């Protein structure tokens, strides 16, 4: 029980230190379970702890990637049928540009949890931090909202792929 209280205190401290309530306001979604948000913002360079596991971040990213693809597909379905399906390379390029713009617009750089000594530039060089972060956040919202696709779809359309 004491370990659970310590974890909750550590989570609250992490949440408050990063000013994550401001981030929640910017995406217009309030996390019920802050652990999902902390894990989504924990970059792969971050050494795992009970709150910030690399594996959990990657799982959230995989879920988010598929959800974004689904929202994108459903949203563009009618256009693609009449104009021919968009090829994968064009779709991927468009998605990455959208993610970069969203990452910058939401100021996600300041909310990321990185290992001490790892700069955002180092993190960006190692992997595509913009898309990884956006996808993990979408996955976190999906799980936190009890797998509510409408909630995810709304946020993806309004805040990510706008």
N, C-alpha and C. Protein backbone atom coordinates (compact mmCIF):
# COMPACT_ATOMS: atom_id res chain seq x y z
N UNK A 1 0.83 -1.19 0.00
CA UNK A 1 0.00 0.00 0.00
C UNK A 1 0.87 1.26 0.00
N UNK A 2 1.96 1.24 0.79
CA UNK A 2 2.85 2.37 0.87
C UNK A 2 3.51 2.66 -0.49
N UNK A 3 3.85 1.61 -1.23
CA UNK A 3 4.44 1.76 -2.56
C UNK A 3 3.46 2.42 -3.52
N UNK A 4 2.20 2.09 -3.39
CA UNK A 4 1.16 2.67 -4.23
C UNK A 4 1.05 4.18 -3.97
N UNK A 5 1.12 4.58 -2.72
CA UNK A 5 1.05 6.00 -2.36
C UNK A 5 2.28 6.73 -2.91
N UNK A 6 3.47 6.10 -2.80
CA UNK A 6 4.69 6.71 -3.33
C UNK A 6 4.58 6.90 -4.84
N UNK A 7 4.05 5.90 -5.55
CA UNK A 7 3.89 6.00 -7.00
C UNK A 7 2.93 7.12 -7.36
N UNK A 8 1.84 7.23 -6.62
CA UNK A 8 0.86 8.28 -6.88
C UNK A 8 1.47 9.66 -6.63
N UNK A 9 2.28 9.78 -5.56
CA UNK A 9 2.96 11.04 -5.28
C UNK A 9 3.96 11.39 -6.37
N UNK A 10 4.71 10.40 -6.84
CA UNK A 10 5.69 10.62 -7.91
C UNK A 10 4.97 11.05 -9.19
N UNK A 11 3.87 10.42 -9.47
CA UNK A 11 3.07 10.76 -10.65
C UNK A 11 2.55 12.19 -10.56
N UNK A 12 2.01 12.55 -9.42
CA UNK A 12 1.50 13.90 -9.22
C UNK A 12 2.61 14.93 -9.38
N UNK A 13 3.78 14.62 -8.84
CA UNK A 13 4.93 15.52 -8.94
C UNK A 13 5.33 15.69 -10.41
N UNK A 14 5.43 14.60 -11.15
CA UNK A 14 5.80 14.66 -12.57
C UNK A 14 4.77 15.49 -13.35
N UNK A 15 3.51 15.24 -13.09
CA UNK A 15 2.41 15.93 -13.76
C UNK A 15 2.48 17.44 -13.51
N UNK A 16 2.67 17.81 -12.25
CA UNK A 16 2.71 19.22 -11.87
C UNK A 16 3.97 19.92 -12.37
N UNK A 17 5.13 19.24 -12.28
CA UNK A 17 6.38 19.86 -12.70
C UNK A 17 6.38 20.19 -14.19
N UNK A 18 5.76 19.38 -14.99
CA UNK A 18 5.71 19.61 -16.43
C UNK A 18 4.56 20.52 -16.84
N UNK A 19 3.68 20.85 -15.93
CA UNK A 19 2.54 21.71 -16.27
C UNK A 19 1.58 21.03 -17.24
N UNK A 20 1.36 19.76 -17.02
CA UNK A 20 0.56 18.98 -17.97
C UNK A 20 -0.91 19.37 -18.02
N UNK A 21 -1.37 20.10 -17.02
CA UNK A 21 -2.76 20.58 -17.09
C UNK A 21 -2.91 21.55 -18.27
N UNK A 22 -1.85 22.30 -18.56
CA UNK A 22 -1.88 23.20 -19.73
C UNK A 22 -1.97 22.40 -21.03
N UNK A 23 -1.24 21.30 -21.07
CA UNK A 23 -1.31 20.44 -22.26
C UNK A 23 -2.72 19.88 -22.42
N UNK A 24 -3.30 19.40 -21.32
CA UNK A 24 -4.66 18.85 -21.39
C UNK A 24 -5.64 19.91 -21.90
N UNK A 25 -5.47 21.13 -21.46
CA UNK A 25 -6.34 22.21 -21.94
C UNK A 25 -6.17 22.42 -23.44
N UNK A 26 -4.93 22.34 -23.91
CA UNK A 26 -4.67 22.59 -25.33
C UNK A 26 -5.28 21.52 -26.24
N UNK A 27 -5.40 20.30 -25.74
CA UNK A 27 -6.02 19.25 -26.56
C UNK A 27 -7.49 19.05 -26.20
N UNK A 28 -7.94 19.78 -25.20
CA UNK A 28 -9.33 19.72 -24.75
C UNK A 28 -9.74 18.30 -24.32
N UNK A 29 -8.83 17.68 -23.57
CA UNK A 29 -9.10 16.36 -23.00
C UNK A 29 -8.41 16.30 -21.65
N UNK A 30 -9.15 15.92 -20.63
CA UNK A 30 -8.62 15.78 -19.27
C UNK A 30 -8.49 14.29 -18.96
N UNK A 31 -7.26 13.86 -18.72
CA UNK A 31 -7.01 12.45 -18.42
C UNK A 31 -7.53 12.09 -17.04
N UNK A 32 -8.26 10.99 -16.96
CA UNK A 32 -8.72 10.47 -15.68
C UNK A 32 -7.55 9.77 -14.98
N UNK A 33 -6.78 9.03 -15.75
CA UNK A 33 -5.61 8.32 -15.24
C UNK A 33 -4.36 8.99 -15.82
N UNK A 34 -3.71 9.81 -15.02
CA UNK A 34 -2.56 10.60 -15.47
C UNK A 34 -1.39 9.71 -15.90
N UNK A 35 -1.37 8.46 -15.46
CA UNK A 35 -0.30 7.54 -15.85
C UNK A 35 -0.25 7.38 -17.37
N UNK A 36 -1.41 7.33 -18.01
CA UNK A 36 -1.44 7.20 -19.47
C UNK A 36 -0.71 8.38 -20.12
N UNK A 37 -0.97 9.57 -19.64
CA UNK A 37 -0.35 10.76 -20.22
C UNK A 37 1.16 10.77 -19.97
N UNK A 38 1.57 10.43 -18.75
CA UNK A 38 3.00 10.39 -18.42
C UNK A 38 3.71 9.38 -19.33
N UNK A 39 3.13 8.21 -19.51
CA UNK A 39 3.75 7.18 -20.36
C UNK A 39 3.80 7.63 -21.82
N UNK A 40 2.78 8.31 -22.27
CA UNK A 40 2.76 8.77 -23.66
C UNK A 40 3.83 9.82 -23.91
N UNK A 41 4.14 10.62 -22.91
CA UNK A 41 5.12 11.69 -23.07
C UNK A 41 6.53 11.27 -22.67
N UNK A 42 6.71 10.02 -22.30
CA UNK A 42 8.03 9.51 -21.93
C UNK A 42 8.71 8.99 -23.18
N UNK A 43 9.67 9.75 -23.68
CA UNK A 43 10.36 9.39 -24.92
C UNK A 43 11.15 8.10 -24.74
N UNK A 44 11.38 7.42 -25.83
CA UNK A 44 12.08 6.14 -25.80
C UNK A 44 13.47 6.23 -25.15
N UNK A 45 14.04 7.42 -25.10
CA UNK A 45 15.35 7.57 -24.45
C UNK A 45 15.23 7.48 -22.94
N UNK A 46 14.01 7.69 -22.43
CA UNK A 46 13.79 7.71 -20.98
C UNK A 46 13.94 6.31 -20.42
N UNK A 47 14.79 6.17 -19.42
CA UNK A 47 14.95 4.87 -18.78
C UNK A 47 13.66 4.52 -18.05
N UNK A 48 13.27 3.30 -18.17
CA UNK A 48 12.01 2.87 -17.59
C UNK A 48 11.96 2.97 -16.08
N UNK A 49 10.81 3.29 -15.58
CA UNK A 49 10.51 3.23 -14.15
C UNK A 49 9.11 2.67 -14.07
N UNK A 50 8.59 2.58 -12.87
CA UNK A 50 7.24 2.04 -12.74
C UNK A 50 6.20 2.92 -13.44
N UNK A 51 6.53 4.20 -13.67
CA UNK A 51 5.59 5.11 -14.32
C UNK A 51 5.92 5.36 -15.78
N UNK A 52 7.17 5.17 -16.18
CA UNK A 52 7.58 5.56 -17.52
C UNK A 52 8.30 4.42 -18.25
N UNK A 53 7.62 3.37 -18.51
CA UNK A 53 8.19 2.22 -19.18
C UNK A 53 8.29 2.46 -20.69
N UNK A 54 9.47 2.16 -21.26
CA UNK A 54 9.65 2.28 -22.71
C UNK A 54 8.64 1.41 -23.45
N UNK A 55 8.41 0.22 -22.93
CA UNK A 55 7.49 -0.71 -23.55
C UNK A 55 6.08 -0.14 -23.60
N UNK A 56 5.65 0.46 -22.52
CA UNK A 56 4.31 1.04 -22.47
C UNK A 56 4.17 2.18 -23.46
N UNK A 57 5.20 3.01 -23.57
CA UNK A 57 5.17 4.11 -24.53
C UNK A 57 5.04 3.56 -25.95
N UNK A 58 5.79 2.54 -26.25
CA UNK A 58 5.74 1.94 -27.59
C UNK A 58 4.37 1.33 -27.87
N UNK A 59 3.79 0.66 -26.89
CA UNK A 59 2.44 0.08 -27.06
C UNK A 59 1.41 1.17 -27.31
N UNK A 60 1.49 2.26 -26.56
CA UNK A 60 0.56 3.38 -26.78
C UNK A 60 0.74 3.94 -28.18
N UNK A 61 1.98 4.04 -28.63
CA UNK A 61 2.26 4.53 -29.98
C UNK A 61 1.68 3.65 -31.06
N UNK A 62 1.79 2.34 -30.89
CA UNK A 62 1.24 1.40 -31.88
C UNK A 62 -0.29 1.52 -31.95
N UNK A 63 -0.91 1.62 -30.80
CA UNK A 63 -2.37 1.79 -30.76
C UNK A 63 -2.75 3.11 -31.43
N UNK A 64 -2.06 4.18 -31.07
CA UNK A 64 -2.35 5.49 -31.63
C UNK A 64 -2.15 5.55 -33.13
N UNK A 65 -1.11 4.91 -33.62
CA UNK A 65 -0.83 4.90 -35.06
C UNK A 65 -2.01 4.30 -35.83
N UNK A 66 -2.50 3.18 -35.36
CA UNK A 66 -3.62 2.52 -36.04
C UNK A 66 -4.91 3.34 -35.94
N UNK A 67 -5.12 3.96 -34.80
CA UNK A 67 -6.32 4.79 -34.63
C UNK A 67 -6.28 6.01 -35.55
N UNK A 68 -5.13 6.64 -35.65
CA UNK A 68 -4.99 7.81 -36.54
C UNK A 68 -5.22 7.38 -37.99
N UNK A 69 -4.66 6.25 -38.37
CA UNK A 69 -4.89 5.74 -39.73
C UNK A 69 -6.38 5.51 -39.98
N UNK A 70 -7.06 4.94 -39.00
CA UNK A 70 -8.49 4.66 -39.14
C UNK A 70 -9.30 5.95 -39.24
N UNK A 71 -9.02 6.91 -38.37
CA UNK A 71 -9.72 8.20 -38.43
C UNK A 71 -9.46 8.86 -39.78
N UNK A 72 -8.22 8.85 -40.21
CA UNK A 72 -7.84 9.45 -41.48
C UNK A 72 -8.56 8.76 -42.64
N UNK A 73 -8.60 7.44 -42.59
CA UNK A 73 -9.25 6.67 -43.65
C UNK A 73 -10.76 6.96 -43.70
N UNK A 74 -11.40 6.92 -42.56
CA UNK A 74 -12.84 7.18 -42.51
C UNK A 74 -13.14 8.60 -42.98
N UNK A 75 -12.32 9.55 -42.55
CA UNK A 75 -12.54 10.96 -42.89
C UNK A 75 -12.35 11.22 -44.38
N UNK A 76 -11.41 10.52 -44.99
CA UNK A 76 -11.10 10.76 -46.41
C UNK A 76 -11.71 9.72 -47.35
N UNK A 77 -12.46 8.81 -46.84
CA UNK A 77 -12.98 7.70 -47.63
C UNK A 77 -13.72 8.16 -48.89
N UNK A 78 -14.66 9.07 -48.75
CA UNK A 78 -15.45 9.52 -49.90
C UNK A 78 -14.58 10.18 -50.95
N UNK A 79 -13.65 11.02 -50.53
CA UNK A 79 -12.77 11.71 -51.47
C UNK A 79 -11.89 10.71 -52.21
N UNK A 80 -11.32 9.75 -51.47
CA UNK A 80 -10.41 8.78 -52.06
C UNK A 80 -11.11 7.87 -53.06
N UNK A 81 -12.36 7.53 -52.82
CA UNK A 81 -13.10 6.66 -53.74
C UNK A 81 -13.29 7.36 -55.08
N UNK A 82 -13.59 8.65 -55.04
CA UNK A 82 -13.82 9.37 -56.30
C UNK A 82 -12.53 9.77 -57.00
N UNK A 83 -11.45 9.97 -56.26
CA UNK A 83 -10.20 10.42 -56.86
C UNK A 83 -9.16 9.32 -56.98
N UNK A 84 -9.44 8.14 -56.52
CA UNK A 84 -8.44 7.07 -56.51
C UNK A 84 -7.72 7.10 -55.17
N UNK A 85 -7.38 5.95 -54.66
CA UNK A 85 -6.75 5.87 -53.34
C UNK A 85 -5.38 6.53 -53.35
N UNK A 86 -5.11 7.28 -52.28
CA UNK A 86 -3.83 7.95 -52.12
C UNK A 86 -2.75 6.89 -51.91
N UNK A 87 -1.63 6.99 -52.61
CA UNK A 87 -0.59 5.99 -52.41
C UNK A 87 0.04 6.15 -51.03
N UNK A 88 0.62 5.04 -50.54
CA UNK A 88 1.14 5.00 -49.17
C UNK A 88 2.24 6.02 -48.91
N UNK A 89 3.12 6.25 -49.89
CA UNK A 89 4.22 7.19 -49.65
C UNK A 89 3.69 8.61 -49.48
N UNK A 90 2.69 8.99 -50.28
CA UNK A 90 2.09 10.33 -50.15
C UNK A 90 1.35 10.45 -48.82
N UNK A 91 0.61 9.39 -48.48
CA UNK A 91 -0.14 9.41 -47.23
C UNK A 91 0.82 9.51 -46.04
N UNK A 92 1.92 8.77 -46.07
CA UNK A 92 2.89 8.79 -44.98
C UNK A 92 3.54 10.16 -44.87
N UNK A 93 3.91 10.77 -46.00
CA UNK A 93 4.53 12.10 -45.99
C UNK A 93 3.57 13.13 -45.42
N UNK A 94 2.32 13.08 -45.85
CA UNK A 94 1.31 14.01 -45.36
C UNK A 94 1.12 13.85 -43.86
N UNK A 95 1.05 12.62 -43.40
CA UNK A 95 0.85 12.34 -41.98
C UNK A 95 2.03 12.88 -41.16
N UNK A 96 3.26 12.66 -41.62
CA UNK A 96 4.43 13.15 -40.89
C UNK A 96 4.47 14.67 -40.83
N UNK A 97 4.08 15.33 -41.90
CA UNK A 97 4.02 16.80 -41.89
C UNK A 97 2.96 17.28 -40.90
N UNK A 98 1.81 16.62 -40.88
CA UNK A 98 0.75 16.95 -39.93
C UNK A 98 1.24 16.78 -38.49
N UNK A 99 1.96 15.69 -38.23
CA UNK A 99 2.47 15.42 -36.89
C UNK A 99 3.48 16.49 -36.46
N UNK A 100 4.37 16.87 -37.36
CA UNK A 100 5.37 17.89 -37.04
C UNK A 100 4.68 19.20 -36.70
N UNK A 101 3.70 19.59 -37.50
CA UNK A 101 2.96 20.83 -37.23
C UNK A 101 2.22 20.75 -35.90
N UNK A 102 1.58 19.62 -35.64
CA UNK A 102 0.85 19.42 -34.40
C UNK A 102 1.80 19.46 -33.20
N UNK A 103 2.94 18.78 -33.30
CA UNK A 103 3.95 18.74 -32.24
C UNK A 103 4.37 20.16 -31.88
N UNK A 104 4.65 20.97 -32.90
CA UNK A 104 5.08 22.36 -32.68
C UNK A 104 3.93 23.22 -32.14
N UNK A 105 2.75 23.07 -32.73
CA UNK A 105 1.58 23.87 -32.34
C UNK A 105 1.21 23.66 -30.87
N UNK A 106 1.30 22.41 -30.42
CA UNK A 106 0.95 22.08 -29.03
C UNK A 106 2.12 22.30 -28.07
N UNK A 107 3.28 22.64 -28.60
CA UNK A 107 4.46 22.86 -27.75
C UNK A 107 4.88 21.61 -27.00
N UNK A 108 4.78 20.46 -27.67
CA UNK A 108 5.04 19.19 -26.99
C UNK A 108 6.47 19.02 -26.50
N UNK A 109 7.39 19.72 -27.12
CA UNK A 109 8.79 19.61 -26.72
C UNK A 109 8.97 19.85 -25.22
N UNK A 110 8.27 20.83 -24.67
CA UNK A 110 8.44 21.16 -23.25
C UNK A 110 7.78 20.15 -22.32
N UNK A 111 6.90 19.30 -22.84
CA UNK A 111 6.21 18.33 -22.00
C UNK A 111 6.87 16.94 -22.00
N UNK A 112 7.80 16.72 -22.90
CA UNK A 112 8.43 15.40 -22.99
C UNK A 112 9.26 15.06 -21.77
N UNK A 113 9.23 13.80 -21.41
CA UNK A 113 10.10 13.28 -20.35
C UNK A 113 11.27 12.60 -21.05
N UNK A 114 12.46 13.17 -20.87
CA UNK A 114 13.67 12.62 -21.46
C UNK A 114 14.64 12.27 -20.35
N UNK A 115 15.57 11.37 -20.65
CA UNK A 115 16.63 11.08 -19.68
C UNK A 115 17.43 12.34 -19.42
N UNK A 116 17.93 12.52 -18.20
CA UNK A 116 18.83 13.65 -17.95
C UNK A 116 20.01 13.56 -18.92
N UNK A 117 20.36 14.68 -19.50
CA UNK A 117 21.47 14.69 -20.44
C UNK A 117 21.06 14.45 -21.89
N UNK A 118 19.80 14.08 -22.12
CA UNK A 118 19.31 13.88 -23.48
C UNK A 118 18.57 15.14 -23.89
N UNK A 119 19.06 15.77 -24.93
CA UNK A 119 18.40 16.97 -25.42
C UNK A 119 17.31 16.57 -26.42
N UNK A 120 16.42 17.48 -26.70
CA UNK A 120 15.36 17.20 -27.68
C UNK A 120 15.98 16.95 -29.04
N UNK A 121 17.08 17.63 -29.36
CA UNK A 121 17.75 17.41 -30.65
C UNK A 121 18.30 16.00 -30.73
N UNK A 122 18.90 15.51 -29.65
CA UNK A 122 19.41 14.14 -29.61
C UNK A 122 18.26 13.16 -29.78
N UNK A 123 17.16 13.41 -29.09
CA UNK A 123 15.99 12.52 -29.19
C UNK A 123 15.45 12.52 -30.61
N UNK A 124 15.40 13.69 -31.24
CA UNK A 124 14.89 13.79 -32.61
C UNK A 124 15.79 13.06 -33.60
N UNK A 125 17.10 13.06 -33.35
CA UNK A 125 18.02 12.37 -34.25
C UNK A 125 17.89 10.86 -34.16
N UNK A 126 17.59 10.36 -32.98
CA UNK A 126 17.50 8.91 -32.80
C UNK A 126 16.27 8.29 -33.43
N UNK A 127 15.18 8.97 -33.43
CA UNK A 127 13.93 8.43 -33.95
C UNK A 127 12.99 9.59 -34.21
N UNK A 128 11.91 9.34 -34.88
CA UNK A 128 10.97 10.40 -35.19
C UNK A 128 10.14 10.73 -33.96
N UNK A 129 10.67 11.60 -33.12
CA UNK A 129 10.04 11.92 -31.84
C UNK A 129 8.67 12.56 -32.03
N UNK A 130 8.48 13.32 -33.11
CA UNK A 130 7.19 13.98 -33.30
C UNK A 130 6.08 12.97 -33.52
N UNK A 131 6.26 12.05 -34.45
CA UNK A 131 5.19 11.08 -34.71
C UNK A 131 5.03 10.10 -33.55
N UNK A 132 6.15 9.67 -32.96
CA UNK A 132 6.07 8.74 -31.82
C UNK A 132 5.24 9.34 -30.69
N UNK A 133 5.48 10.61 -30.40
CA UNK A 133 4.79 11.27 -29.30
C UNK A 133 3.30 11.44 -29.60
N UNK A 134 2.99 11.93 -30.79
CA UNK A 134 1.58 12.13 -31.17
C UNK A 134 0.83 10.80 -31.13
N UNK A 135 1.41 9.77 -31.70
CA UNK A 135 0.75 8.45 -31.71
C UNK A 135 0.54 7.92 -30.31
N UNK A 136 1.54 8.08 -29.44
CA UNK A 136 1.40 7.60 -28.05
C UNK A 136 0.31 8.37 -27.31
N UNK A 137 0.21 9.67 -27.57
CA UNK A 137 -0.84 10.47 -26.92
C UNK A 137 -2.22 10.00 -27.36
N UNK A 138 -2.39 9.73 -28.66
CA UNK A 138 -3.68 9.25 -29.17
C UNK A 138 -4.02 7.90 -28.55
N UNK A 139 -3.03 7.01 -28.47
CA UNK A 139 -3.25 5.71 -27.83
C UNK A 139 -3.63 5.87 -26.37
N UNK A 140 -3.00 6.81 -25.68
CA UNK A 140 -3.30 7.07 -24.27
C UNK A 140 -4.72 7.60 -24.10
N UNK A 141 -5.13 8.50 -24.98
CA UNK A 141 -6.50 9.03 -24.91
C UNK A 141 -7.51 7.91 -25.12
N UNK A 142 -7.24 7.05 -26.08
CA UNK A 142 -8.14 5.94 -26.37
C UNK A 142 -8.33 5.05 -25.14
N UNK A 143 -7.23 4.66 -24.52
CA UNK A 143 -7.33 3.78 -23.35
C UNK A 143 -7.93 4.51 -22.15
N UNK A 144 -7.56 5.75 -21.95
CA UNK A 144 -8.08 6.53 -20.83
C UNK A 144 -9.58 6.79 -20.96
N UNK A 145 -10.05 6.91 -22.19
CA UNK A 145 -11.48 7.20 -22.43
C UNK A 145 -12.32 5.92 -22.51
N UNK A 146 -11.78 4.83 -21.99
CA UNK A 146 -12.46 3.53 -22.04
C UNK A 146 -12.73 3.11 -23.48
N UNK A 147 -11.73 3.32 -24.32
CA UNK A 147 -11.75 2.91 -25.73
C UNK A 147 -12.88 3.56 -26.51
N UNK A 148 -13.09 4.84 -26.24
CA UNK A 148 -14.14 5.60 -26.91
C UNK A 148 -13.59 6.16 -28.22
N UNK A 149 -13.94 5.53 -29.33
CA UNK A 149 -13.43 5.93 -30.64
C UNK A 149 -13.90 7.33 -31.02
N UNK A 150 -15.11 7.70 -30.64
CA UNK A 150 -15.61 9.04 -30.98
C UNK A 150 -14.76 10.13 -30.34
N UNK A 151 -14.35 9.93 -29.11
CA UNK A 151 -13.50 10.89 -28.42
C UNK A 151 -12.18 11.04 -29.16
N UNK A 152 -11.56 9.91 -29.49
CA UNK A 152 -10.29 9.92 -30.20
C UNK A 152 -10.45 10.57 -31.57
N UNK A 153 -11.48 10.19 -32.29
CA UNK A 153 -11.72 10.73 -33.63
C UNK A 153 -11.86 12.26 -33.59
N UNK A 154 -12.60 12.74 -32.62
CA UNK A 154 -12.81 14.19 -32.48
C UNK A 154 -11.47 14.91 -32.24
N UNK A 155 -10.66 14.39 -31.33
CA UNK A 155 -9.38 15.03 -31.00
C UNK A 155 -8.41 14.94 -32.18
N UNK A 156 -8.37 13.80 -32.84
CA UNK A 156 -7.48 13.65 -33.99
C UNK A 156 -7.85 14.65 -35.08
N UNK A 157 -9.13 14.77 -35.38
CA UNK A 157 -9.56 15.69 -36.44
C UNK A 157 -9.38 17.16 -36.04
N UNK A 158 -9.69 17.47 -34.79
CA UNK A 158 -9.68 18.87 -34.34
C UNK A 158 -8.29 19.37 -33.95
N UNK A 159 -7.46 18.50 -33.40
CA UNK A 159 -6.19 18.96 -32.84
C UNK A 159 -4.95 18.42 -33.56
N UNK A 160 -5.06 17.30 -34.26
CA UNK A 160 -3.88 16.69 -34.85
C UNK A 160 -3.83 16.84 -36.37
N UNK A 161 -4.87 16.41 -37.04
CA UNK A 161 -4.87 16.46 -38.50
C UNK A 161 -5.62 17.67 -39.03
N UNK A 162 -5.60 18.76 -38.29
CA UNK A 162 -6.37 19.93 -38.72
C UNK A 162 -5.65 20.76 -39.76
